[in-house]
Amino acid sequence: MIDVMYFAWVRERIGVPSERIETSAPTVAALVDELKAREERYAAAFEDVSALRVALDQELTDFDASLEGVREVAFFPPMTGG
């Protein structure tokens, strides 16, 4: 099981702040593909992954990162300064 967290407009599109899912996805990109195949709301949220950032266990990473041993995945838009 893995905890998946959604922030900002990603959360708005999916409709939940987080969920615990069972996945056999080897990478973040494969997890995104699984989520997109679930329902239209996930497909809409992950339509353009270049507009998203991802963190594994609170460490920023890339979408080709391995999920081996990961407990938490977080998706969010890029942060802007101000």
PDB file of N, CA and C in Angstrom:
ATOM      1  N   MET A   1       0.840  -1.189   0.000  1.00  0.00           N
ATOM      2  CA  MET A   1       0.000   0.000   0.000  1.00  0.00           C
ATOM      3  C   MET A   1       0.879   1.244   0.000  1.00  0.00           C
ATOM      4  N   ILE A   2       0.377   2.267  -0.661  1.00  0.00           N
ATOM      5  CA  ILE A   2       1.102   3.521  -0.748  1.00  0.00           C
ATOM      6  C   ILE A   2       0.121   4.671  -0.541  1.00  0.00           C
ATOM      7  N   ASP A   3       0.551   5.685   0.189  1.00  0.00           N
ATOM      8  CA  ASP A   3      -0.275   6.871   0.392  1.00  0.00           C
ATOM      9  C   ASP A   3       0.003   7.846  -0.735  1.00  0.00           C
ATOM     10  N   VAL A   4      -1.056   8.299  -1.401  1.00  0.00           N
ATOM     11  CA  VAL A   4      -0.920   9.265  -2.487  1.00  0.00           C
ATOM     12  C   VAL A   4      -1.621  10.542  -2.052  1.00  0.00           C
ATOM     13  N   MET A   5      -0.893  11.654  -2.111  1.00  0.00           N
ATOM     14  CA  MET A   5      -1.425  12.940  -1.668  1.00  0.00           C
ATOM     15  C   MET A   5      -1.486  13.892  -2.852  1.00  0.00           C
ATOM     16  N   TYR A   6      -2.554  14.701  -2.863  1.00  0.00           N
ATOM     17  CA  TYR A   6      -2.776  15.648  -3.954  1.00  0.00           C
ATOM     18  C   TYR A   6      -2.903  17.055  -3.366  1.00  0.00           C
ATOM     19  N   PHE A   7      -2.276  18.028  -4.021  1.00  0.00           N
ATOM     20  CA  PHE A   7      -2.305  19.400  -3.519  1.00  0.00           C
ATOM     21  C   PHE A   7      -2.782  20.373  -4.591  1.00  0.00           C
ATOM     22  N   ALA A   8      -3.330  21.506  -4.136  1.00  0.00           N
ATOM     23  CA  ALA A   8      -3.759  22.622  -4.988  1.00  0.00           C
ATOM     24  C   ALA A   8      -4.771  22.146  -6.035  1.00  0.00           C
ATOM     25  N   TRP A   9      -4.574  22.543  -7.289  1.00  0.00           N
ATOM     26  CA  TRP A   9      -5.576  22.207  -8.307  1.00  0.00           C
ATOM     27  C   TRP A   9      -5.628  20.711  -8.611  1.00  0.00           C
ATOM     28  N   VAL A  10      -4.583  19.970  -8.293  1.00  0.00           N
ATOM     29  CA  VAL A  10      -4.623  18.514  -8.491  1.00  0.00           C
ATOM     30  C   VAL A  10      -5.689  17.933  -7.572  1.00  0.00           C
ATOM     31  N   ARG A  11      -5.694  18.381  -6.324  1.00  0.00           N
ATOM     32  CA  ARG A  11      -6.701  17.940  -5.347  1.00  0.00           C
ATOM     33  C   ARG A  11      -8.097  18.337  -5.804  1.00  0.00           C
ATOM     34  N   GLU A  12      -8.238  19.557  -6.325  1.00  0.00           N
ATOM     35  CA  GLU A  12      -9.547  20.027  -6.785  1.00  0.00           C
ATOM     36  C   GLU A  12     -10.086  19.158  -7.915  1.00  0.00           C
ATOM     37  N   ARG A  13      -9.231  18.788  -8.846  1.00  0.00           N
ATOM     38  CA  ARG A  13      -9.685  17.980  -9.988  1.00  0.00           C
ATOM     39  C   ARG A  13     -10.027  16.555  -9.582  1.00  0.00           C
ATOM     40  N   ILE A  14      -9.239  15.977  -8.675  1.00  0.00           N
ATOM     41  CA  ILE A  14      -9.479  14.588  -8.269  1.00  0.00           C
ATOM     42  C   ILE A  14     -10.587  14.508  -7.229  1.00  0.00           C
ATOM     43  N   GLY A  15     -10.671  15.513  -6.366  1.00  0.00           N
ATOM     44  CA  GLY A  15     -11.768  15.560  -5.411  1.00  0.00           C
ATOM     45  C   GLY A  15     -11.467  15.011  -4.030  1.00  0.00           C
ATOM     46  N   VAL A  16     -10.242  14.544  -3.808  1.00  0.00           N
ATOM     47  CA  VAL A  16      -9.835  14.063  -2.488  1.00  0.00           C
ATOM     48  C   VAL A  16      -8.425  14.561  -2.198  1.00  0.00           C
ATOM     49  N   PRO A  17      -8.111  14.819  -0.923  1.00  0.00           N
ATOM     50  CA  PRO A  17      -6.763  15.284  -0.597  1.00  0.00           C
ATOM     51  C   PRO A  17      -5.723  14.170  -0.607  1.00  0.00           C
ATOM     52  N   SER A  18      -6.164  12.952  -0.321  1.00  0.00           N
ATOM     53  CA  SER A  18      -5.222  11.827  -0.295  1.00  0.00           C
ATOM     54  C   SER A  18      -6.000  10.525  -0.331  1.00  0.00           C
ATOM     55  N   GLU A  19      -5.286   9.459  -0.632  1.00  0.00           N
ATOM     56  CA  GLU A  19      -5.884   8.128  -0.614  1.00  0.00           C
ATOM     57  C   GLU A  19      -4.779   7.097  -0.489  1.00  0.00           C
ATOM     58  N   ARG A  20      -5.137   5.964   0.019  1.00  0.00           N
ATOM     59  CA  ARG A  20      -4.196   4.845   0.143  1.00  0.00           C
ATOM     60  C   ARG A  20      -4.562   3.852  -0.954  1.00  0.00           C
ATOM     61  N   ILE A  21      -3.586   3.542  -1.785  1.00  0.00           N
ATOM     62  CA  ILE A  21      -3.872   2.639  -2.892  1.00  0.00           C
ATOM     63  C   ILE A  21      -2.878   1.483  -2.912  1.00  0.00           C
ATOM     64  N   GLU A  22      -3.304   0.408  -3.548  1.00  0.00           N
ATOM     65  CA  GLU A  22      -2.430  -0.725  -3.768  1.00  0.00           C
ATOM     66  C   GLU A  22      -1.985  -0.651  -5.221  1.00  0.00           C
ATOM     67  N   THR A  23      -0.696  -0.693  -5.433  1.00  0.00           N
ATOM     68  CA  THR A  23      -0.163  -0.592  -6.785  1.00  0.00           C
ATOM     69  C   THR A  23       1.042  -1.499  -6.944  1.00  0.00           C
ATOM     70  N   SER A  24       1.243  -1.948  -8.160  1.00  0.00           N
ATOM     71  CA  SER A  24       2.456  -2.696  -8.488  1.00  0.00           C
ATOM     72  C   SER A  24       3.320  -1.873  -9.435  1.00  0.00           C
ATOM     73  N   ALA A  25       2.996  -0.588  -9.582  1.00  0.00           N
ATOM     74  CA  ALA A  25       3.745   0.292 -10.473  1.00  0.00           C
ATOM     75  C   ALA A  25       5.202   0.387 -10.025  1.00  0.00           C
ATOM     76  N   PRO A  26       6.141   0.219 -10.955  1.00  0.00           N
ATOM     77  CA  PRO A  26       7.560   0.295 -10.582  1.00  0.00           C
ATOM     78  C   PRO A  26       8.085   1.727 -10.478  1.00  0.00           C
ATOM     79  N   THR A  27       7.410   2.669 -11.155  1.00  0.00           N
ATOM     80  CA  THR A  27       7.882   4.062 -11.176  1.00  0.00           C
ATOM     81  C   THR A  27       6.717   5.015 -10.969  1.00  0.00           C
ATOM     82  N   VAL A  28       7.048   6.272 -10.727  1.00  0.00           N
ATOM     83  CA  VAL A  28       6.012   7.301 -10.597  1.00  0.00           C
ATOM     84  C   VAL A  28       5.210   7.389 -11.887  1.00  0.00           C
ATOM     85  N   ALA A  29       5.880   7.371 -13.027  1.00  0.00           N
ATOM     86  CA  ALA A  29       5.181   7.475 -14.314  1.00  0.00           C
ATOM     87  C   ALA A  29       4.175   6.328 -14.495  1.00  0.00           C
ATOM     88  N   ALA A  30       4.560   5.127 -14.094  1.00  0.00           N
ATOM     89  CA  ALA A  30       3.648   3.985 -14.196  1.00  0.00           C
ATOM     90  C   ALA A  30       2.466   4.155 -13.247  1.00  0.00           C
ATOM     91  N   LEU A  31       2.704   4.718 -12.070  1.00  0.00           N
ATOM     92  CA  LEU A  31       1.612   4.993 -11.134  1.00  0.00           C
ATOM     93  C   LEU A  31       0.647   6.002 -11.742  1.00  0.00           C
ATOM     94  N   VAL A  32       1.179   7.047 -12.364  1.00  0.00           N
ATOM     95  CA  VAL A  32       0.330   8.046 -13.021  1.00  0.00           C
ATOM     96  C   VAL A  32      -0.522   7.384 -14.101  1.00  0.00           C
ATOM     97  N   ASP A  33       0.076   6.489 -14.878  1.00  0.00           N
ATOM     98  CA  ASP A  33      -0.689   5.778 -15.911  1.00  0.00           C
ATOM     99  C   ASP A  33      -1.822   4.959 -15.291  1.00  0.00           C
ATOM    100  N   GLU A  34      -1.546   4.291 -14.164  1.00  0.00           N
ATOM    101  CA  GLU A  34      -2.597   3.527 -13.470  1.00  0.00           C
ATOM    102  C   GLU A  34      -3.719   4.449 -13.007  1.00  0.00           C
ATOM    103  N   LEU A  35      -3.342   5.581 -12.418  1.00  0.00           N
ATOM    104  CA  LEU A  35      -4.349   6.516 -11.918  1.00  0.00           C
ATOM    105  C   LEU A  35      -5.180   7.086 -13.060  1.00  0.00           C
ATOM    106  N   LYS A  36      -4.530   7.457 -14.158  1.00  0.00           N
ATOM    107  CA  LYS A  36      -5.238   8.024 -15.308  1.00  0.00           C
ATOM    108  C   LYS A  36      -6.267   7.044 -15.867  1.00  0.00           C
ATOM    109  N   ALA A  37      -5.971   5.750 -15.784  1.00  0.00           N
ATOM    110  CA  ALA A  37      -6.869   4.728 -16.316  1.00  0.00           C
ATOM    111  C   ALA A  37      -8.075   4.491 -15.403  1.00  0.00           C
ATOM    112  N   ARG A  38      -8.019   4.968 -14.163  1.00  0.00           N
ATOM    113  CA  ARG A  38      -9.096   4.752 -13.196  1.00  0.00           C
ATOM    114  C   ARG A  38     -10.391   5.453 -13.586  1.00  0.00           C
ATOM    115  N   GLU A  39     -10.307   6.767 -13.720  1.00  0.00           N
ATOM    116  CA  GLU A  39     -11.497   7.591 -13.959  1.00  0.00           C
ATOM    117  C   GLU A  39     -11.090   8.856 -14.690  1.00  0.00           C
ATOM    118  N   GLU A  40     -12.072   9.514 -15.273  1.00  0.00           N
ATOM    119  CA  GLU A  40     -11.821  10.742 -16.028  1.00  0.00           C
ATOM    120  C   GLU A  40     -11.199  11.839 -15.163  1.00  0.00           C
ATOM    121  N   ARG A  41     -11.595  11.910 -13.895  1.00  0.00           N
ATOM    122  CA  ARG A  41     -11.056  12.977 -13.033  1.00  0.00           C
ATOM    123  C   ARG A  41      -9.544  12.836 -12.846  1.00  0.00           C
ATOM    124  N   TYR A  42      -9.048  11.613 -12.788  1.00  0.00           N
ATOM    125  CA  TYR A  42      -7.605  11.402 -12.700  1.00  0.00           C
ATOM    126  C   TYR A  42      -6.938  11.746 -14.032  1.00  0.00           C
ATOM    127  N   ALA A  43      -7.566  11.334 -15.127  1.00  0.00           N
ATOM    128  CA  ALA A  43      -7.022  11.643 -16.452  1.00  0.00           C
ATOM    129  C   ALA A  43      -6.903  13.153 -16.626  1.00  0.00           C
ATOM    130  N   ALA A  44      -7.892  13.897 -16.141  1.00  0.00           N
ATOM    131  CA  ALA A  44      -7.850  15.362 -16.251  1.00  0.00           C
ATOM    132  C   ALA A  44      -6.743  15.949 -15.383  1.00  0.00           C
ATOM    133  N   ALA A  45      -6.587  15.424 -14.193  1.00  0.00           N
ATOM    134  CA  ALA A  45      -5.572  15.950 -13.273  1.00  0.00           C
ATOM    135  C   ALA A  45      -4.157  15.685 -13.778  1.00  0.00           C
ATOM    136  N   PHE A  46      -3.960  14.542 -14.430  1.00  0.00           N
ATOM    137  CA  PHE A  46      -2.623  14.158 -14.882  1.00  0.00           C
ATOM    138  C   PHE A  46      -2.440  14.305 -16.391  1.00  0.00           C
ATOM    139  N   GLU A  47      -3.293  15.106 -17.004  1.00  0.00           N
ATOM    140  CA  GLU A  47      -3.237  15.294 -18.457  1.00  0.00           C
ATOM    141  C   GLU A  47      -1.871  15.815 -18.914  1.00  0.00           C
ATOM    142  N   ASP A  48      -1.320  16.762 -18.153  1.00  0.00           N
ATOM    143  CA  ASP A  48      -0.039  17.366 -18.525  1.00  0.00           C
ATOM    144  C   ASP A  48       0.910  17.280 -17.331  1.00  0.00           C
ATOM    145  N   VAL A  49       1.668  16.185 -17.246  1.00  0.00           N
ATOM    146  CA  VAL A  49       2.551  16.009 -16.085  1.00  0.00           C
ATOM    147  C   VAL A  49       3.700  17.008 -16.070  1.00  0.00           C
ATOM    148  N   SER A  50       3.950  17.680 -17.193  1.00  0.00           N
ATOM    149  CA  SER A  50       4.999  18.709 -17.178  1.00  0.00           C
ATOM    150  C   SER A  50       4.585  19.888 -16.295  1.00  0.00           C
ATOM    151  N   ALA A  51       3.291  19.981 -15.984  1.00  0.00           N
ATOM    152  CA  ALA A  51       2.784  21.038 -15.106  1.00  0.00           C
ATOM    153  C   ALA A  51       2.742  20.584 -13.649  1.00  0.00           C
ATOM    154  N   LEU A  52       3.329  19.431 -13.356  1.00  0.00           N
ATOM    155  CA  LEU A  52       3.299  18.874 -12.002  1.00  0.00           C
ATOM    156  C   LEU A  52       4.693  18.597 -11.471  1.00  0.00           C
ATOM    157  N   ARG A  53       4.782  18.578 -10.169  1.00  0.00           N
ATOM    158  CA  ARG A  53       5.988  18.122  -9.465  1.00  0.00           C
ATOM    159  C   ARG A  53       5.567  16.931  -8.609  1.00  0.00           C
ATOM    160  N   VAL A  54       6.558  16.117  -8.255  1.00  0.00           N
ATOM    161  CA  VAL A  54       6.272  14.934  -7.448  1.00  0.00           C
ATOM    162  C   VAL A  54       7.335  14.809  -6.361  1.00  0.00           C
ATOM    163  N   ALA A  55       6.891  14.348  -5.196  1.00  0.00           N
ATOM    164  CA  ALA A  55       7.802  14.073  -4.091  1.00  0.00           C
ATOM    165  C   ALA A  55       7.525  12.658  -3.593  1.00  0.00           C
ATOM    166  N   LEU A  56       8.602  11.937  -3.316  1.00  0.00           N
ATOM    167  CA  LEU A  56       8.505  10.599  -2.731  1.00  0.00           C
ATOM    168  C   LEU A  56       9.040  10.681  -1.316  1.00  0.00           C
ATOM    169  N   ASP A  57       8.204  10.324  -0.357  1.00  0.00           N
ATOM    170  CA  ASP A  57       8.583  10.420   1.056  1.00  0.00           C
ATOM    171  C   ASP A  57       9.182  11.798   1.367  1.00  0.00           C
ATOM    172  N   GLN A  58       8.532  12.828   0.846  1.00  0.00           N
ATOM    173  CA  GLN A  58       8.836  14.246   1.085  1.00  0.00           C
ATOM    174  C   GLN A  58      10.151  14.706   0.463  1.00  0.00           C
ATOM    175  N   GLU A  59      10.635  13.990  -0.554  1.00  0.00           N
ATOM    176  CA  GLU A  59      11.838  14.395  -1.290  1.00  0.00           C
ATOM    177  C   GLU A  59      11.450  14.607  -2.749  1.00  0.00           C
ATOM    178  N   LEU A  60      11.726  15.798  -3.285  1.00  0.00           N
ATOM    179  CA  LEU A  60      11.431  16.057  -4.691  1.00  0.00           C
ATOM    180  C   LEU A  60      12.173  15.083  -5.584  1.00  0.00           C
ATOM    181  N   THR A  61      11.501  14.633  -6.641  1.00  0.00           N
ATOM    182  CA  THR A  61      12.104  13.671  -7.555  1.00  0.00           C
ATOM    183  C   THR A  61      11.491  13.832  -8.932  1.00  0.00           C
ATOM    184  N   ASP A  62      11.829  12.909  -9.836  1.00  0.00           N
ATOM    185  CA  ASP A  62      11.312  12.921 -11.201  1.00  0.00           C
ATOM    186  C   ASP A  62      10.282  11.817 -11.379  1.00  0.00           C
ATOM    187  N   PHE A  63       9.548  11.905 -12.487  1.00  0.00           N
ATOM    188  CA  PHE A  63       8.504  10.922 -12.756  1.00  0.00           C
ATOM    189  C   PHE A  63       9.062   9.553 -13.135  1.00  0.00           C
ATOM    190  N   ASP A  64      10.357   9.462 -13.441  1.00  0.00           N
ATOM    191  CA  ASP A  64      10.939   8.156 -13.741  1.00  0.00           C
ATOM    192  C   ASP A  64      11.538   7.495 -12.497  1.00  0.00           C
ATOM    193  N   ALA A  65      11.335   8.101 -11.334  1.00  0.00           N
ATOM    194  CA  ALA A  65      11.870   7.558 -10.079  1.00  0.00           C
ATOM    195  C   ALA A  65      11.169   6.259  -9.688  1.00  0.00           C
ATOM    196  N   SER A  66      11.928   5.382  -9.070  1.00  0.00           N
ATOM    197  CA  SER A  66      11.412   4.098  -8.601  1.00  0.00           C
ATOM    198  C   SER A  66      10.515   4.291  -7.376  1.00  0.00           C
ATOM    199  N   LEU A  67       9.490   3.453  -7.292  1.00  0.00           N
ATOM    200  CA  LEU A  67       8.601   3.465  -6.125  1.00  0.00           C
ATOM    201  C   LEU A  67       8.986   2.399  -5.099  1.00  0.00           C
ATOM    202  N   GLU A  68      10.065   1.690  -5.335  1.00  0.00           N
ATOM    203  CA  GLU A  68      10.482   0.625  -4.419  1.00  0.00           C
ATOM    204  C   GLU A  68      10.748   1.190  -3.032  1.00  0.00           C
ATOM    205  N   GLY A  69      10.047   0.677  -2.038  1.00  0.00           N
ATOM    206  CA  GLY A  69      10.226   1.090  -0.658  1.00  0.00           C
ATOM    207  C   GLY A  69       9.568   2.417  -0.292  1.00  0.00           C
ATOM    208  N   VAL A  70       8.892   3.035  -1.237  1.00  0.00           N
ATOM    209  CA  VAL A  70       8.269   4.340  -0.988  1.00  0.00           C
ATOM    210  C   VAL A  70       6.950   4.151  -0.245  1.00  0.00           C
ATOM    211  N   ARG A  71       6.718   5.021   0.740  1.00  0.00           N
ATOM    212  CA  ARG A  71       5.467   4.976   1.512  1.00  0.00           C
ATOM    213  C   ARG A  71       4.494   6.073   1.099  1.00  0.00           C
ATOM    214  N   GLU A  72       5.022   7.191   0.575  1.00  0.00           N
ATOM    215  CA  GLU A  72       4.159   8.334   0.278  1.00  0.00           C
ATOM    216  C   GLU A  72       4.576   9.007  -1.026  1.00  0.00           C
ATOM    217  N   VAL A  73       3.590   9.275  -1.867  1.00  0.00           N
ATOM    218  CA  VAL A  73       3.793  10.017  -3.108  1.00  0.00           C
ATOM    219  C   VAL A  73       2.923  11.263  -3.035  1.00  0.00           C
ATOM    220  N   ALA A  74       3.498  12.413  -3.350  1.00  0.00           N
ATOM    221  CA  ALA A  74       2.738  13.655  -3.340  1.00  0.00           C
ATOM    222  C   ALA A  74       2.849  14.337  -4.703  1.00  0.00           C
ATOM    223  N   PHE A  75       1.708  14.770  -5.230  1.00  0.00           N
ATOM    224  CA  PHE A  75       1.662  15.481  -6.499  1.00  0.00           C
ATOM    225  C   PHE A  75       1.203  16.910  -6.247  1.00  0.00           C
ATOM    226  N   PHE A  76       1.875  17.880  -6.875  1.00  0.00           N
ATOM    227  CA  PHE A  76       1.519  19.276  -6.664  1.00  0.00           C
ATOM    228  C   PHE A  76       2.047  20.116  -7.829  1.00  0.00           C
ATOM    229  N   PRO A  77       1.446  21.286  -8.049  1.00  0.00           N
ATOM    230  CA  PRO A  77       1.967  22.179  -9.086  1.00  0.00           C
ATOM    231  C   PRO A  77       3.252  22.825  -8.603  1.00  0.00           C
ATOM    232  N   PRO A  78       4.063  23.349  -9.528  1.00  0.00           N
ATOM    233  CA  PRO A  78       5.292  24.023  -9.121  1.00  0.00           C
ATOM    234  C   PRO A  78       4.986  25.179  -8.176  1.00  0.00           C
ATOM    235  N   MET A  79       5.843  25.361  -7.211  1.00  0.00           N
ATOM    236  CA  MET A  79       5.671  26.471  -6.272  1.00  0.00           C
ATOM    237  C   MET A  79       6.242  27.731  -6.887  1.00  0.00           C
ATOM    238  N   THR A  80       5.581  28.846  -6.630  1.00  0.00           N
ATOM    239  CA  THR A  80       6.082  30.117  -7.134  1.00  0.00           C
ATOM    240  C   THR A  80       6.490  30.988  -5.966  1.00  0.00           C
ATOM    241  N   GLY A  81       7.493  31.772  -6.180  1.00  0.00           N
ATOM    242  CA  GLY A  81       7.963  32.678  -5.114  1.00  0.00           C
ATOM    243  C   GLY A  81       7.098  33.909  -5.041  1.00  0.00           C
ATOM    244  N   GLY A  82       7.319  34.716  -4.007  1.00  0.00           N
ATOM    245  CA  GLY A  82       6.511  35.914  -3.958  1.00  0.00           C
ATOM    246  C   GLY A  82       6.651  36.696  -2.716  1.00  0.00           C
TER     247      GLY A  82
END
